Amino acid sequence: MAKTELMVDGTNIAWAWPRSRLCLLRKDHAGAQRLLVETATQSPLRAVYDQLTFVFDGPPPPAGPSSTRGVRVLYPDPGQSADERILELVTQAVHGGIGAVVATSDRALRDLVRTEGGSTIGGQALIQKIDPRNPAEPSRGGAAEPGEREEKPRPSGRDTEAWLQRFSAKKRPPT
């Protein structure tokens, strides 16, 4: 049987999942990350994938989740985005003969993953696998119909710049 690794765009999924989003809204990034990793680790995903890898934006928070056997928790290197780190991992896996599946609702990342030879699963589909009792996304007014696109739109230049500023490794001098 071929090996397969699930790579989770951690911050993207944490914002999409109502349970972890509550932590993020309280600025508890470590709590949101722990909740996502622990819930996914205890889900049927462990029986489907040989490796679960979570990549979160920014530096590791104090008291954040840690890697265990079969579960990796990673953060981008300084000056690198989580998306770039995920693409590196996909490339390494594909070249190593390992199937790479990326869970994200980020359309641009999904397109790039497919270009590199990986496959994707949408954020809501992953959430349903780890938390089947999860209520339908409130802002959507219900669950997605089969075949309906759940991907978020491509970010604007202003969105991208805001994320780069927020997660930049460079410290700004006090004003």
C-alpha atoms as a PDB file:
ATOM      1  CA  MET A   1       0.000   0.000   0.000  1.00  0.00           C
ATOM      2  CA  ALA A   2       1.347   3.437  -0.935  1.00  0.00           C
ATOM      3  CA  LYS A   3       2.061   5.880   1.848  1.00  0.00           C
ATOM      4  CA  THR A   4      -0.053   9.013   2.067  1.00  0.00           C
ATOM      5  CA  GLU A   5       0.443  12.157   4.123  1.00  0.00           C
ATOM      6  CA  LEU A   6      -2.292  14.626   5.002  1.00  0.00           C
ATOM      7  CA  MET A   7      -0.990  18.172   5.294  1.00  0.00           C
ATOM      8  CA  VAL A   8      -3.362  20.583   7.017  1.00  0.00           C
ATOM      9  CA  ASP A   9      -3.273  24.319   6.368  1.00  0.00           C
ATOM     10  CA  GLY A  10      -3.720  24.756  10.109  1.00  0.00           C
ATOM     11  CA  THR A  11      -4.615  28.410  10.425  1.00  0.00           C
ATOM     12  CA  ASN A  12      -6.986  28.238   7.456  1.00  0.00           C
ATOM     13  CA  ILE A  13      -8.830  25.256   8.935  1.00  0.00           C
ATOM     14  CA  ALA A  14      -8.800  26.690  12.480  1.00  0.00           C
ATOM     15  CA  TRP A  15     -10.575  29.840  11.232  1.00  0.00           C
ATOM     16  CA  ALA A  16     -13.071  27.738   9.249  1.00  0.00           C
ATOM     17  CA  TRP A  17     -14.000  25.456  12.179  1.00  0.00           C
ATOM     18  CA  PRO A  18     -16.409  27.185  14.590  1.00  0.00           C
ATOM     19  CA  ARG A  19     -14.967  25.414  17.668  1.00  0.00           C
ATOM     20  CA  SER A  20     -11.387  26.582  17.069  1.00  0.00           C
ATOM     21  CA  ARG A  21     -12.483  29.948  15.660  1.00  0.00           C
ATOM     22  CA  LEU A  22     -13.780  30.844  19.142  1.00  0.00           C
ATOM     23  CA  CYS A  23     -10.253  30.412  20.509  1.00  0.00           C
ATOM     24  CA  LEU A  24      -8.790  32.532  17.715  1.00  0.00           C
ATOM     25  CA  LEU A  25     -11.284  35.310  18.354  1.00  0.00           C
ATOM     26  CA  ARG A  26     -10.086  35.326  21.984  1.00  0.00           C
ATOM     27  CA  LYS A  27      -6.487  35.547  20.658  1.00  0.00           C
ATOM     28  CA  ASP A  28      -5.795  32.051  22.032  1.00  0.00           C
ATOM     29  CA  HIS A  29      -3.805  30.751  19.055  1.00  0.00           C
ATOM     30  CA  ALA A  30      -2.210  27.963  21.093  1.00  0.00           C
ATOM     31  CA  GLY A  31      -5.628  26.766  22.243  1.00  0.00           C
ATOM     32  CA  ALA A  32      -7.032  26.782  18.712  1.00  0.00           C
ATOM     33  CA  GLN A  33      -4.019  24.891  17.415  1.00  0.00           C
ATOM     34  CA  ARG A  34      -4.137  22.310  20.221  1.00  0.00           C
ATOM     35  CA  LEU A  35      -7.878  21.779  19.696  1.00  0.00           C
ATOM     36  CA  LEU A  36      -7.445  21.204  15.957  1.00  0.00           C
ATOM     37  CA  VAL A  37      -4.457  18.869  16.310  1.00  0.00           C
ATOM     38  CA  GLU A  38      -5.947  16.851  19.185  1.00  0.00           C
ATOM     39  CA  THR A  39      -9.355  16.486  17.537  1.00  0.00           C
ATOM     40  CA  ALA A  40      -7.866  15.449  14.195  1.00  0.00           C
ATOM     41  CA  THR A  41      -5.464  13.052  15.906  1.00  0.00           C
ATOM     42  CA  GLN A  42      -8.364  11.311  17.657  1.00  0.00           C
ATOM     43  CA  SER A  43     -10.440  11.134  14.456  1.00  0.00           C
ATOM     44  CA  PRO A  44     -10.616   8.415  11.782  1.00  0.00           C
ATOM     45  CA  LEU A  45      -7.956  10.339   9.820  1.00  0.00           C
ATOM     46  CA  ARG A  46      -5.249   8.400  11.694  1.00  0.00           C
ATOM     47  CA  ALA A  47      -6.485   5.185  10.057  1.00  0.00           C
ATOM     48  CA  VAL A  48      -6.541   6.731   6.575  1.00  0.00           C
ATOM     49  CA  TYR A  49      -3.216   8.600   6.439  1.00  0.00           C
ATOM     50  CA  ASP A  50       0.262   7.405   7.402  1.00  0.00           C
ATOM     51  CA  GLN A  51       1.239  10.897   8.570  1.00  0.00           C
ATOM     52  CA  LEU A  52      -0.737  13.965   9.675  1.00  0.00           C
ATOM     53  CA  THR A  53       1.136  17.233   9.293  1.00  0.00           C
ATOM     54  CA  PHE A  54      -0.226  20.557  10.533  1.00  0.00           C
ATOM     55  CA  VAL A  55       1.378  23.772   9.302  1.00  0.00           C
ATOM     56  CA  PHE A  56       0.358  26.929  11.152  1.00  0.00           C
ATOM     57  CA  ASP A  57       1.119  30.555  10.300  1.00  0.00           C
ATOM     58  CA  GLY A  58       3.585  32.560  12.343  1.00  0.00           C
ATOM     59  CA  PRO A  59       5.957  31.429  15.058  1.00  0.00           C
ATOM     60  CA  PRO A  60       5.037  28.628  17.475  1.00  0.00           C
ATOM     61  CA  PRO A  61       2.960  29.985  20.358  1.00  0.00           C
ATOM     62  CA  PRO A  62       3.897  29.166  23.950  1.00  0.00           C
ATOM     63  CA  ALA A  63       1.995  26.039  25.049  1.00  0.00           C
ATOM     64  CA  GLY A  64       1.061  25.207  21.461  1.00  0.00           C
ATOM     65  CA  PRO A  65       0.684  21.653  20.185  1.00  0.00           C
ATOM     66  CA  SER A  66       3.718  19.451  19.686  1.00  0.00           C
ATOM     67  CA  SER A  67       4.599  16.653  17.316  1.00  0.00           C
ATOM     68  CA  THR A  68       3.996  13.037  18.312  1.00  0.00           C
ATOM     69  CA  ARG A  69       4.378   9.718  16.536  1.00  0.00           C
ATOM     70  CA  GLY A  70       2.570  10.029  13.195  1.00  0.00           C
ATOM     71  CA  VAL A  71       1.675  13.696  13.785  1.00  0.00           C
ATOM     72  CA  ARG A  72       3.906  16.632  12.886  1.00  0.00           C
ATOM     73  CA  VAL A  73       3.242  20.218  13.929  1.00  0.00           C
ATOM     74  CA  LEU A  74       5.251  22.698  11.883  1.00  0.00           C
ATOM     75  CA  TYR A  75       5.609  26.442  11.449  1.00  0.00           C
ATOM     76  CA  PRO A  76       7.176  28.344   8.568  1.00  0.00           C
ATOM     77  CA  ASP A  77      10.760  29.496   8.806  1.00  0.00           C
ATOM     78  CA  PRO A  78      11.239  33.247   9.408  1.00  0.00           C
ATOM     79  CA  GLY A  79      10.365  35.148   6.240  1.00  0.00           C
ATOM     80  CA  GLN A  80       8.427  32.177   4.865  1.00  0.00           C
ATOM     81  CA  SER A  81       4.655  31.727   4.713  1.00  0.00           C
ATOM     82  CA  ALA A  82       2.802  28.612   5.830  1.00  0.00           C
ATOM     83  CA  ASP A  83       1.683  28.152   2.219  1.00  0.00           C
ATOM     84  CA  GLU A  84       5.322  28.115   1.069  1.00  0.00           C
ATOM     85  CA  ARG A  85       6.171  25.559   3.756  1.00  0.00           C
ATOM     86  CA  ILE A  86       3.237  23.377   2.688  1.00  0.00           C
ATOM     87  CA  LEU A  87       4.345  23.525  -0.957  1.00  0.00           C
ATOM     88  CA  GLU A  88       7.872  22.463   0.067  1.00  0.00           C
ATOM     89  CA  LEU A  89       6.413  19.506   1.960  1.00  0.00           C
ATOM     90  CA  VAL A  90       4.212  18.532  -0.987  1.00  0.00           C
ATOM     91  CA  THR A  91       7.183  18.629  -3.358  1.00  0.00           C
ATOM     92  CA  GLN A  92       9.302  16.509  -0.977  1.00  0.00           C
ATOM     93  CA  ALA A  93       6.505  13.972  -0.529  1.00  0.00           C
ATOM     94  CA  VAL A  94       5.687  13.658  -4.218  1.00  0.00           C
ATOM     95  CA  HIS A  95       9.372  13.277  -5.161  1.00  0.00           C
ATOM     96  CA  GLY A  96       9.715  10.699  -2.382  1.00  0.00           C
ATOM     97  CA  GLY A  97       6.852   8.614  -3.738  1.00  0.00           C
ATOM     98  CA  ILE A  98       4.477   9.585  -0.930  1.00  0.00           C
ATOM     99  CA  GLY A  99       0.954  10.702  -1.752  1.00  0.00           C
ATOM    100  CA  ALA A 100       0.380  14.285  -0.601  1.00  0.00           C
ATOM    101  CA  VAL A 101      -3.098  15.513   0.295  1.00  0.00           C
ATOM    102  CA  VAL A 102      -3.514  19.109   1.474  1.00  0.00           C
ATOM    103  CA  ALA A 103      -6.559  20.221   3.454  1.00  0.00           C
ATOM    104  CA  THR A 104      -7.345  23.893   2.852  1.00  0.00           C
ATOM    105  CA  SER A 105     -10.043  26.180   1.537  1.00  0.00           C
ATOM    106  CA  ASP A 106      -7.447  28.519   0.053  1.00  0.00           C
ATOM    107  CA  ARG A 107      -8.059  28.317  -3.694  1.00  0.00           C
ATOM    108  CA  ALA A 108      -4.632  29.648  -4.672  1.00  0.00           C
ATOM    109  CA  LEU A 109      -2.876  27.091  -2.456  1.00  0.00           C
ATOM    110  CA  ARG A 110      -5.072  24.291  -3.788  1.00  0.00           C
ATOM    111  CA  ASP A 111      -4.132  25.233  -7.362  1.00  0.00           C
ATOM    112  CA  LEU A 112      -0.412  25.253  -6.512  1.00  0.00           C
ATOM    113  CA  VAL A 113      -0.604  21.916  -4.680  1.00  0.00           C
ATOM    114  CA  ARG A 114      -2.227  20.301  -7.712  1.00  0.00           C
ATOM    115  CA  THR A 115       0.471  21.782  -9.953  1.00  0.00           C
ATOM    116  CA  GLU A 116       3.101  20.106  -7.743  1.00  0.00           C
ATOM    117  CA  GLY A 117       1.379  16.720  -8.076  1.00  0.00           C
ATOM    118  CA  GLY A 118      -0.526  16.687  -4.793  1.00  0.00           C
ATOM    119  CA  SER A 119      -4.247  16.471  -4.232  1.00  0.00           C
ATOM    120  CA  THR A 120      -6.540  18.529  -2.032  1.00  0.00           C
ATOM    121  CA  ILE A 121      -9.531  18.317   0.246  1.00  0.00           C
ATOM    122  CA  GLY A 122     -11.625  21.349   1.183  1.00  0.00           C
ATOM    123  CA  GLY A 123     -11.687  22.788   4.661  1.00  0.00           C
ATOM    124  CA  GLN A 124     -15.335  21.971   5.359  1.00  0.00           C
ATOM    125  CA  ALA A 125     -14.843  18.395   4.131  1.00  0.00           C
ATOM    126  CA  LEU A 126     -11.949  17.955   6.571  1.00  0.00           C
ATOM    127  CA  ILE A 127     -13.949  19.519   9.409  1.00  0.00           C
ATOM    128  CA  GLN A 128     -16.780  17.050   8.774  1.00  0.00           C
ATOM    129  CA  LYS A 129     -14.276  14.187   9.026  1.00  0.00           C
ATOM    130  CA  ILE A 130     -12.842  15.341  12.364  1.00  0.00           C
ATOM    131  CA  ASP A 131     -16.068  16.696  13.861  1.00  0.00           C
ATOM    132  CA  PRO A 132     -19.080  15.035  12.193  1.00  0.00           C
ATOM    133  CA  ARG A 133     -21.505  16.788  14.561  1.00  0.00           C
ATOM    134  CA  ASN A 134     -20.126  20.172  13.529  1.00  0.00           C
ATOM    135  CA  PRO A 135     -23.064  22.453  12.688  1.00  0.00           C
ATOM    136  CA  ALA A 136     -23.238  23.893   9.220  1.00  0.00           C
ATOM    137  CA  GLU A 137     -21.203  27.036   8.790  1.00  0.00           C
ATOM    138  CA  PRO A 138     -23.431  29.840  10.163  1.00  0.00           C
ATOM    139  CA  SER A 139     -22.336  32.415   7.615  1.00  0.00           C
ATOM    140  CA  ARG A 140     -23.179  30.046   4.765  1.00  0.00           C
ATOM    141  CA  GLY A 141     -26.708  29.424   5.925  1.00  0.00           C
ATOM    142  CA  GLY A 142     -26.248  25.662   5.651  1.00  0.00           C
ATOM    143  CA  ALA A 143     -23.986  22.933   4.455  1.00  0.00           C
ATOM    144  CA  ALA A 144     -22.527  23.004   0.973  1.00  0.00           C
ATOM    145  CA  GLU A 145     -24.411  21.035  -1.632  1.00  0.00           C
ATOM    146  CA  PRO A 146     -22.438  18.284  -3.386  1.00  0.00           C
ATOM    147  CA  GLY A 147     -20.221  19.846  -6.021  1.00  0.00           C
ATOM    148  CA  GLU A 148     -20.619  23.353  -4.567  1.00  0.00           C
ATOM    149  CA  ARG A 149     -17.342  25.226  -4.254  1.00  0.00           C
ATOM    150  CA  GLU A 150     -16.373  25.969  -0.700  1.00  0.00           C
ATOM    151  CA  GLU A 151     -13.066  27.591  -1.523  1.00  0.00           C
ATOM    152  CA  LYS A 152     -12.417  31.098  -0.409  1.00  0.00           C
ATOM    153  CA  PRO A 153     -11.692  33.683  -3.099  1.00  0.00           C
ATOM    154  CA  ARG A 154      -8.151  34.572  -4.080  1.00  0.00           C
ATOM    155  CA  PRO A 155      -6.717  37.173  -1.684  1.00  0.00           C
ATOM    156  CA  SER A 156      -6.483  40.756  -2.805  1.00  0.00           C
ATOM    157  CA  GLY A 157      -3.147  42.558  -2.820  1.00  0.00           C
ATOM    158  CA  ARG A 158      -4.225  44.341   0.358  1.00  0.00           C
ATOM    159  CA  ASP A 159      -5.047  40.999   2.070  1.00  0.00           C
ATOM    160  CA  THR A 160      -1.672  39.595   1.117  1.00  0.00           C
ATOM    161  CA  GLU A 161       0.173  42.691   2.337  1.00  0.00           C
ATOM    162  CA  ALA A 162      -1.695  42.618   5.662  1.00  0.00           C
ATOM    163  CA  TRP A 163      -0.729  38.962   6.225  1.00  0.00           C
ATOM    164  CA  LEU A 164       2.878  39.631   5.293  1.00  0.00           C
ATOM    165  CA  GLN A 165       3.035  42.495   7.767  1.00  0.00           C
ATOM    166  CA  ARG A 166       1.401  40.465  10.525  1.00  0.00           C
ATOM    167  CA  PHE A 167       3.620  37.428  10.159  1.00  0.00           C
ATOM    168  CA  SER A 168       6.809  39.090   9.025  1.00  0.00           C
ATOM    169  CA  ALA A 169       9.936  37.896  10.822  1.00  0.00           C
ATOM    170  CA  LYS A 170      11.266  41.429  10.865  1.00  0.00           C
ATOM    171  CA  LYS A 171      10.509  43.356  14.010  1.00  0.00           C
ATOM    172  CA  ARG A 172       9.387  46.892  13.440  1.00  0.00           C
ATOM    173  CA  PRO A 173      11.020  49.612  15.518  1.00  0.00           C
ATOM    174  CA  PRO A 174       8.687  51.299  18.005  1.00  0.00           C
ATOM    175  CA  THR A 175       7.041  54.450  16.677  1.00  0.00           C
END
